PDB file of all heavy atoms in Angstrom:
ATOM      1  N   PHE A   1     -41.484 -62.187  68.778  1.00  0.00           N
ATOM      2  CA  PHE A   1     -40.395 -62.778  69.655  1.00  0.00           C
ATOM      3  C   PHE A   1     -40.751 -62.547  71.138  1.00  0.00           C
ATOM      4  O   PHE A   1     -40.747 -63.462  71.933  1.00  0.00           O
ATOM      5  CB  PHE A   1     -39.059 -62.114  69.309  1.00  0.00           C
ATOM      6  CG  PHE A   1     -37.922 -62.838  70.006  1.00  0.00           C
ATOM      7  CD1 PHE A   1     -37.370 -63.960  69.531  1.00  0.00           C
ATOM      8  CD2 PHE A   1     -37.428 -62.262  71.172  1.00  0.00           C
ATOM      9  CE1 PHE A   1     -36.318 -64.618  70.156  1.00  0.00           C
ATOM     10  CE2 PHE A   1     -36.343 -62.823  71.834  1.00  0.00           C
ATOM     11  CZ  PHE A   1     -35.807 -64.014  71.355  1.00  0.00           C
ATOM     12  N   ASN A   2     -40.921 -61.304  71.508  1.00  0.00           N
ATOM     13  CA  ASN A   2     -41.337 -60.942  72.872  1.00  0.00           C
ATOM     14  C   ASN A   2     -41.914 -59.514  72.884  1.00  0.00           C
ATOM     15  O   ASN A   2     -42.091 -58.974  71.814  1.00  0.00           O
ATOM     16  CB  ASN A   2     -40.163 -61.050  73.826  1.00  0.00           C
ATOM     17  CG  ASN A   2     -38.983 -60.055  73.510  1.00  0.00           C
ATOM     18  OD1 ASN A   2     -39.178 -59.059  72.866  1.00  0.00           O
ATOM     19  ND2 ASN A   2     -37.811 -60.428  73.930  1.00  0.00           N
ATOM     20  N   ARG A   3     -42.262 -59.018  74.031  1.00  0.00           N
ATOM     21  CA  ARG A   3     -42.927 -57.729  74.079  1.00  0.00           C
ATOM     22  C   ARG A   3     -42.036 -56.517  73.836  1.00  0.00           C
ATOM     23  O   ARG A   3     -42.583 -55.453  73.651  1.00  0.00           O
ATOM     24  CB  ARG A   3     -43.622 -57.576  75.522  1.00  0.00           C
ATOM     25  CG  ARG A   3     -44.864 -58.452  75.573  1.00  0.00           C
ATOM     26  CD  ARG A   3     -45.444 -58.498  76.980  1.00  0.00           C
ATOM     27  NE  ARG A   3     -46.666 -59.197  77.033  1.00  0.00           N
ATOM     28  CZ  ARG A   3     -46.832 -60.500  77.029  1.00  0.00           C
ATOM     29  NH1 ARG A   3     -45.778 -61.330  76.979  1.00  0.00           N
ATOM     30  NH2 ARG A   3     -48.041 -61.090  77.023  1.00  0.00           N
ATOM     31  N   LYS A   4     -40.752 -56.805  73.674  1.00  0.00           N
ATOM     32  CA  LYS A   4     -39.837 -55.728  73.234  1.00  0.00           C
ATOM     33  C   LYS A   4     -39.832 -55.634  71.642  1.00  0.00           C
ATOM     34  O   LYS A   4     -39.289 -54.662  71.185  1.00  0.00           O
ATOM     35  CB  LYS A   4     -38.471 -55.901  73.786  1.00  0.00           C
ATOM     36  CG  LYS A   4     -38.338 -55.942  75.300  1.00  0.00           C
ATOM     37  CD  LYS A   4     -36.950 -56.238  75.795  1.00  0.00           C
ATOM     38  CE  LYS A   4     -36.753 -56.194  77.181  1.00  0.00           C
ATOM     39  NZ  LYS A   4     -35.360 -56.493  77.644  1.00  0.00           N
ATOM     40  N   ASP A   5     -40.269 -56.633  71.026  1.00  0.00           N
ATOM     41  CA  ASP A   5     -40.056 -56.813  69.610  1.00  0.00           C
ATOM     42  C   ASP A   5     -41.090 -55.978  68.806  1.00  0.00           C
ATOM     43  O   ASP A   5     -42.365 -56.218  68.922  1.00  0.00           O
ATOM     44  CB  ASP A   5     -40.263 -58.305  69.232  1.00  0.00           C
ATOM     45  CG  ASP A   5     -39.944 -58.602  67.770  1.00  0.00           C
ATOM     46  OD1 ASP A   5     -39.413 -57.694  67.084  1.00  0.00           O
ATOM     47  OD2 ASP A   5     -40.222 -59.720  67.365  1.00  0.00           O
ATOM     48  N   ASP A   6     -40.675 -54.977  68.028  1.00  0.00           N
ATOM     49  CA  ASP A   6     -41.545 -54.246  67.270  1.00  0.00           C
ATOM     50  C   ASP A   6     -41.381 -54.242  65.745  1.00  0.00           C
ATOM     51  O   ASP A   6     -41.893 -53.460  65.023  1.00  0.00           O
ATOM     52  CB  ASP A   6     -41.544 -52.666  67.722  1.00  0.00           C
ATOM     53  CG  ASP A   6     -40.194 -52.085  67.400  1.00  0.00           C
ATOM     54  OD1 ASP A   6     -39.237 -52.776  67.044  1.00  0.00           O
ATOM     55  OD2 ASP A   6     -40.081 -50.839  67.554  1.00  0.00           O
ATOM     56  N   VAL A   7     -40.521 -55.216  65.306  1.00  0.00           N
ATOM     57  CA  VAL A   7     -40.259 -55.284  63.863  1.00  0.00           C
ATOM     58  C   VAL A   7     -41.496 -55.584  63.072  1.00  0.00           C
ATOM     59  O   VAL A   7     -41.600 -55.219  61.910  1.00  0.00           O
ATOM     60  CB  VAL A   7     -39.092 -56.302  63.579  1.00  0.00           C
ATOM     61  CG1 VAL A   7     -39.498 -57.703  63.772  1.00  0.00           C
ATOM     62  CG2 VAL A   7     -38.547 -56.075  62.199  1.00  0.00           C
ATOM     63  N   GLN A   8     -42.467 -56.337  63.660  1.00  0.00           N
ATOM     64  CA  GLN A   8     -43.669 -56.694  62.938  1.00  0.00           C
ATOM     65  C   GLN A   8     -44.460 -55.394  62.635  1.00  0.00           C
ATOM     66  O   GLN A   8     -44.943 -55.206  61.545  1.00  0.00           O
ATOM     67  CB  GLN A   8     -44.547 -57.706  63.719  1.00  0.00           C
ATOM     68  CG  GLN A   8     -43.941 -59.059  63.848  1.00  0.00           C
ATOM     69  CD  GLN A   8     -42.826 -59.101  64.946  1.00  0.00           C
ATOM     70  OE1 GLN A   8     -42.738 -58.148  65.799  1.00  0.00           O
ATOM     71  NE2 GLN A   8     -42.114 -60.137  64.970  1.00  0.00           N
ATOM     72  N   ALA A   9     -44.588 -54.514  63.659  1.00  0.00           N
ATOM     73  CA  ALA A   9     -45.317 -53.287  63.434  1.00  0.00           C
ATOM     74  C   ALA A   9     -44.556 -52.411  62.454  1.00  0.00           C
ATOM     75  O   ALA A   9     -45.170 -51.735  61.620  1.00  0.00           O
ATOM     76  CB  ALA A   9     -45.422 -52.544  64.785  1.00  0.00           C
ATOM     77  N   GLN A  10     -43.220 -52.440  62.523  1.00  0.00           N
ATOM     78  CA  GLN A  10     -42.449 -51.645  61.493  1.00  0.00           C
ATOM     79  C   GLN A  10     -42.796 -52.151  60.098  1.00  0.00           C
ATOM     80  O   GLN A  10     -42.990 -51.376  59.137  1.00  0.00           O
ATOM     81  CB  GLN A  10     -41.009 -51.736  61.766  1.00  0.00           C
ATOM     82  CG  GLN A  10     -40.517 -51.076  62.994  1.00  0.00           C
ATOM     83  CD  GLN A  10     -39.006 -51.213  63.170  1.00  0.00           C
ATOM     84  OE1 GLN A  10     -38.241 -50.942  62.194  1.00  0.00           O
ATOM     85  NE2 GLN A  10     -38.583 -51.569  64.333  1.00  0.00           N
ATOM     86  N   TRP A  11     -42.767 -53.479  59.897  1.00  0.00           N
ATOM     87  CA  TRP A  11     -43.058 -54.060  58.661  1.00  0.00           C
ATOM     88  C   TRP A  11     -44.467 -53.737  58.166  1.00  0.00           C
ATOM     89  O   TRP A  11     -44.619 -53.367  56.958  1.00  0.00           O
ATOM     90  CB  TRP A  11     -42.826 -55.586  58.675  1.00  0.00           C
ATOM     91  CG  TRP A  11     -42.928 -56.188  57.271  1.00  0.00           C
ATOM     92  CD1 TRP A  11     -41.946 -56.427  56.363  1.00  0.00           C
ATOM     93  CD2 TRP A  11     -44.169 -56.717  56.630  1.00  0.00           C
ATOM     94  NE1 TRP A  11     -42.464 -56.949  55.206  1.00  0.00           N
ATOM     95  CE2 TRP A  11     -43.794 -57.184  55.422  1.00  0.00           C
ATOM     96  CE3 TRP A  11     -45.473 -56.784  57.100  1.00  0.00           C
ATOM     97  CZ2 TRP A  11     -44.748 -57.715  54.508  1.00  0.00           C
ATOM     98  CZ3 TRP A  11     -46.457 -57.300  56.258  1.00  0.00           C
ATOM     99  CH2 TRP A  11     -46.110 -57.808  54.959  1.00  0.00           C
ATOM    100  N   VAL A  12     -45.419 -53.855  59.011  1.00  0.00           N
ATOM    101  CA  VAL A  12     -46.852 -53.561  58.584  1.00  0.00           C
ATOM    102  C   VAL A  12     -46.935 -52.050  58.217  1.00  0.00           C
ATOM    103  O   VAL A  12     -47.606 -51.685  57.221  1.00  0.00           O
ATOM    104  CB  VAL A  12     -47.800 -53.864  59.725  1.00  0.00           C
ATOM    105  CG1 VAL A  12     -49.203 -53.272  59.430  1.00  0.00           C
ATOM    106  CG2 VAL A  12     -47.927 -55.353  59.912  1.00  0.00           C
ATOM    107  N   GLY A  13     -46.253 -51.216  58.950  1.00  0.00           N
ATOM    108  CA  GLY A  13     -46.277 -49.770  58.595  1.00  0.00           C
ATOM    109  C   GLY A  13     -45.711 -49.512  57.256  1.00  0.00           C
ATOM    110  O   GLY A  13     -46.190 -48.669  56.463  1.00  0.00           O
ATOM    111  N   GLN A  14     -44.650 -50.220  56.896  1.00  0.00           N
ATOM    112  CA  GLN A  14     -43.937 -49.967  55.616  1.00  0.00           C
ATOM    113  C   GLN A  14     -44.799 -50.619  54.505  1.00  0.00           C
ATOM    114  O   GLN A  14     -44.919 -50.119  53.421  1.00  0.00           O
ATOM    115  CB  GLN A  14     -42.542 -50.565  55.650  1.00  0.00           C
ATOM    116  CG  GLN A  14     -41.765 -50.250  54.410  1.00  0.00           C
ATOM    117  CD  GLN A  14     -40.309 -50.613  54.558  1.00  0.00           C
ATOM    118  OE1 GLN A  14     -39.674 -50.252  55.621  1.00  0.00           O
ATOM    119  NE2 GLN A  14     -39.691 -51.275  53.577  1.00  0.00           N
ATOM    120  N   ALA A  15     -45.300 -51.886  54.734  1.00  0.00           N
ATOM    121  CA  ALA A  15     -46.023 -52.567  53.698  1.00  0.00           C
ATOM    122  C   ALA A  15     -47.400 -52.063  53.450  1.00  0.00           C
ATOM    123  O   ALA A  15     -47.827 -51.903  52.295  1.00  0.00           O
ATOM    124  CB  ALA A  15     -46.061 -54.055  54.077  1.00  0.00           C
ATOM    125  N   LEU A  16     -48.069 -51.666  54.500  1.00  0.00           N
ATOM    126  CA  LEU A  16     -49.500 -51.310  54.351  1.00  0.00           C
ATOM    127  C   LEU A  16     -49.819 -49.802  54.693  1.00  0.00           C
ATOM    128  O   LEU A  16     -50.948 -49.376  54.502  1.00  0.00           O
ATOM    129  CB  LEU A  16     -50.394 -52.226  55.275  1.00  0.00           C
ATOM    130  CG  LEU A  16     -50.237 -53.710  55.078  1.00  0.00           C
ATOM    131  CD1 LEU A  16     -51.083 -54.420  55.994  1.00  0.00           C
ATOM    132  CD2 LEU A  16     -50.487 -54.084  53.628  1.00  0.00           C
ATOM    133  N   GLY A  17     -48.825 -49.121  55.212  1.00  0.00           N
ATOM    134  CA  GLY A  17     -48.985 -47.686  55.615  1.00  0.00           C
ATOM    135  C   GLY A  17     -49.867 -47.538  56.818  1.00  0.00           C
ATOM    136  O   GLY A  17     -50.499 -46.491  56.973  1.00  0.00           O
ATOM    137  N   VAL A  18     -49.915 -48.553  57.687  1.00  0.00           N
ATOM    138  CA  VAL A  18     -50.758 -48.498  58.899  1.00  0.00           C
ATOM    139  C   VAL A  18     -49.872 -48.120  60.057  1.00  0.00           C
ATOM    140  O   VAL A  18     -48.971 -48.890  60.404  1.00  0.00           O
ATOM    141  CB  VAL A  18     -51.467 -49.846  59.169  1.00  0.00           C
ATOM    142  CG1 VAL A  18     -52.260 -49.765  60.418  1.00  0.00           C
ATOM    143  CG2 VAL A  18     -52.331 -50.199  57.987  1.00  0.00           C
ATOM    144  N   ASN A  19     -50.056 -47.005  60.618  1.00  0.00           N
ATOM    145  CA  ASN A  19     -49.227 -46.508  61.783  1.00  0.00           C
ATOM    146  C   ASN A  19     -49.776 -47.177  63.078  1.00  0.00           C
ATOM    147  O   ASN A  19     -51.069 -47.241  63.241  1.00  0.00           O
ATOM    148  CB  ASN A  19     -49.263 -45.041  61.915  1.00  0.00           C
ATOM    149  CG  ASN A  19     -48.613 -44.382  60.663  1.00  0.00           C
ATOM    150  OD1 ASN A  19     -47.592 -44.940  60.168  1.00  0.00           O
ATOM    151  ND2 ASN A  19     -49.094 -43.234  60.250  1.00  0.00           N
ATOM    152  N   GLU A  20     -48.878 -47.625  63.915  1.00  0.00           N
ATOM    153  CA  GLU A  20     -49.199 -48.270  65.212  1.00  0.00           C
ATOM    154  C   GLU A  20     -50.297 -49.238  65.070  1.00  0.00           C
ATOM    155  O   GLU A  20     -51.386 -49.126  65.755  1.00  0.00           O
ATOM    156  CB  GLU A  20     -49.612 -47.134  66.219  1.00  0.00           C
ATOM    157  CG  GLU A  20     -48.514 -46.109  66.471  1.00  0.00           C
ATOM    158  CD  GLU A  20     -48.885 -45.076  67.558  1.00  0.00           C
ATOM    159  OE1 GLU A  20     -49.961 -45.116  68.095  1.00  0.00           O
ATOM    160  OE2 GLU A  20     -48.048 -44.213  67.767  1.00  0.00           O
ATOM    161  N   PRO A  21     -50.124 -50.302  64.298  1.00  0.00           N
ATOM    162  CA  PRO A  21     -51.191 -51.300  64.060  1.00  0.00           C
ATOM    163  C   PRO A  21     -51.409 -52.101  65.341  1.00  0.00           C
ATOM    164  O   PRO A  21     -50.432 -52.359  66.087  1.00  0.00           O
ATOM    165  CB  PRO A  21     -50.604 -52.125  62.950  1.00  0.00           C
ATOM    166  CG  PRO A  21     -49.119 -51.992  63.104  1.00  0.00           C
ATOM    167  CD  PRO A  21     -48.918 -50.616  63.539  1.00  0.00           C
ATOM    168  N   ARG A  22     -52.643 -52.464  65.573  1.00  0.00           N
ATOM    169  CA  ARG A  22     -52.945 -53.382  66.706  1.00  0.00           C
ATOM    170  C   ARG A  22     -53.016 -54.808  66.149  1.00  0.00           C
ATOM    171  O   ARG A  22     -53.972 -55.166  65.461  1.00  0.00           O
ATOM    172  CB  ARG A  22     -54.298 -52.967  67.340  1.00  0.00           C
ATOM    173  CG  ARG A  22     -54.294 -51.547  67.881  1.00  0.00           C
ATOM    174  CD  ARG A  22     -55.629 -51.158  68.485  1.00  0.00           C
ATOM    175  NE  ARG A  22     -55.964 -51.968  69.639  1.00  0.00           N
ATOM    176  CZ  ARG A  22     -57.111 -51.916  70.310  1.00  0.00           C
ATOM    177  NH1 ARG A  22     -58.039 -51.061  69.948  1.00  0.00           N
ATOM    178  NH2 ARG A  22     -57.327 -52.625  71.362  1.00  0.00           N
ATOM    179  N   LEU A  23     -51.941 -55.511  66.387  1.00  0.00           N
ATOM    180  CA  LEU A  23     -51.835 -56.898  65.836  1.00  0.00           C
ATOM    181  C   LEU A  23     -52.270 -57.948  66.756  1.00  0.00           C
ATOM    182  O   LEU A  23     -52.145 -57.893  67.997  1.00  0.00           O
ATOM    183  CB  LEU A  23     -50.367 -57.054  65.388  1.00  0.00           C
ATOM    184  CG  LEU A  23     -49.700 -56.074  64.520  1.00  0.00           C
ATOM    185  CD1 LEU A  23     -48.242 -56.380  64.252  1.00  0.00           C
ATOM    186  CD2 LEU A  23     -50.488 -55.933  63.188  1.00  0.00           C
ATOM    187  N   LEU A  24     -52.824 -59.046  66.249  1.00  0.00           N
ATOM    188  CA  LEU A  24     -53.066 -60.289  66.995  1.00  0.00           C
ATOM    189  C   LEU A  24     -51.730 -60.966  67.143  1.00  0.00           C
ATOM    190  O   LEU A  24     -51.058 -61.279  66.150  1.00  0.00           O
ATOM    191  CB  LEU A  24     -53.967 -61.153  66.322  1.00  0.00           C
ATOM    192  CG  LEU A  24     -55.418 -60.671  66.105  1.00  0.00           C
ATOM    193  CD1 LEU A  24     -56.268 -61.609  65.250  1.00  0.00           C
ATOM    194  CD2 LEU A  24     -56.057 -60.401  67.399  1.00  0.00           C
ATOM    195  N   GLN A  25     -51.182 -61.099  68.352  1.00  0.00           N
ATOM    196  CA  GLN A  25     -49.831 -61.559  68.571  1.00  0.00           C
ATOM    197  C   GLN A  25     -49.728 -62.892  69.358  1.00  0.00           C
ATOM    198  O   GLN A  25     -50.463 -63.079  70.280  1.00  0.00           O
ATOM    199  CB  GLN A  25     -49.062 -60.498  69.327  1.00  0.00           C
ATOM    200  CG  GLN A  25     -48.935 -59.100  68.571  1.00  0.00           C
ATOM    201  CD  GLN A  25     -48.267 -58.098  69.396  1.00  0.00           C
ATOM    202  OE1 GLN A  25     -48.413 -57.967  70.583  1.00  0.00           O
ATOM    203  NE2 GLN A  25     -47.545 -57.217  68.728  1.00  0.00           N
ATOM    204  N   ARG A  26     -48.802 -63.760  68.926  1.00  0.00           N
ATOM    205  CA  ARG A  26     -48.477 -64.999  69.528  1.00  0.00           C
ATOM    206  C   ARG A  26     -46.979 -64.935  69.788  1.00  0.00           C
ATOM    207  O   ARG A  26     -46.190 -64.855  68.876  1.00  0.00           O
ATOM    208  CB  ARG A  26     -48.858 -66.189  68.734  1.00  0.00           C
ATOM    209  CG  ARG A  26     -50.376 -66.310  68.574  1.00  0.00           C
ATOM    210  CD  ARG A  26     -50.780 -67.346  67.661  1.00  0.00           C
ATOM    211  NE  ARG A  26     -52.269 -67.538  67.615  1.00  0.00           N
ATOM    212  CZ  ARG A  26     -52.925 -68.333  66.785  1.00  0.00           C
ATOM    213  NH1 ARG A  26     -52.257 -68.943  65.803  1.00  0.00           N
ATOM    214  NH2 ARG A  26     -54.233 -68.400  66.785  1.00  0.00           N
ATOM    215  N   TYR A  27     -46.572 -65.001  71.069  1.00  0.00           N
ATOM    216  CA  TYR A  27     -45.186 -64.762  71.481  1.00  0.00           C
ATOM    217  C   TYR A  27     -44.400 -66.135  71.493  1.00  0.00           C
ATOM    218  O   TYR A  27     -44.877 -67.181  72.130  1.00  0.00           O
ATOM    219  CB  TYR A  27     -45.120 -64.196  72.850  1.00  0.00           C
ATOM    220  CG  TYR A  27     -45.704 -62.771  72.873  1.00  0.00           C
ATOM    221  CD1 TYR A  27     -47.031 -62.567  73.302  1.00  0.00           C
ATOM    222  CD2 TYR A  27     -44.964 -61.722  72.378  1.00  0.00           C
ATOM    223  CE1 TYR A  27     -47.586 -61.311  73.266  1.00  0.00           C
ATOM    224  CE2 TYR A  27     -45.472 -60.412  72.380  1.00  0.00           C
ATOM    225  CZ  TYR A  27     -46.819 -60.243  72.881  1.00  0.00           C
ATOM    226  OH  TYR A  27     -47.357 -58.952  72.851  1.00  0.00           O
ATOM    227  N   VAL A  28     -43.245 -66.131  70.819  1.00  0.00           N
ATOM    228  CA  VAL A  28     -42.351 -67.322  70.845  1.00  0.00           C
ATOM    229  C   VAL A  28     -40.953 -66.736  71.012  1.00  0.00           C
ATOM    230  O   VAL A  28     -40.280 -66.272  70.059  1.00  0.00           O
ATOM    231  CB  VAL A  28     -42.443 -68.107  69.566  1.00  0.00           C
ATOM    232  CG1 VAL A  28     -41.512 -69.393  69.605  1.00  0.00           C
ATOM    233  CG2 VAL A  28     -43.890 -68.567  69.321  1.00  0.00           C
ATOM    234  N   PRO A  29     -40.372 -66.729  72.246  1.00  0.00           N
ATOM    235  CA  PRO A  29     -39.134 -66.065  72.540  1.00  0.00           C
ATOM    236  C   PRO A  29     -37.844 -66.958  72.256  1.00  0.00           C
ATOM    237  O   PRO A  29     -37.058 -67.097  73.079  1.00  0.00           O
ATOM    238  CB  PRO A  29     -39.268 -65.724  73.991  1.00  0.00           C
ATOM    239  CG  PRO A  29     -40.029 -66.888  74.539  1.00  0.00           C
ATOM    240  CD  PRO A  29     -40.998 -67.260  73.453  1.00  0.00           C
ATOM    241  N   SER A  30     -37.710 -67.464  71.059  1.00  0.00           N
ATOM    242  CA  SER A  30     -36.581 -68.238  70.606  1.00  0.00           C
ATOM    243  C   SER A  30     -36.483 -68.087  69.152  1.00  0.00           C
ATOM    244  O   SER A  30     -37.508 -68.314  68.469  1.00  0.00           O
ATOM    245  CB  SER A  30     -36.665 -69.661  71.048  1.00  0.00           C
ATOM    246  OG  SER A  30     -35.809 -70.505  70.243  1.00  0.00           O
TER     247      SER A  30
END
């Protein structure tokens, strides 16, 4: 959603056990 949004990292941490993942991100703020 934007640079404040961290729910993707939370989901990856829970699903894959990867802490502080470095994700390829595309921002869509709506």
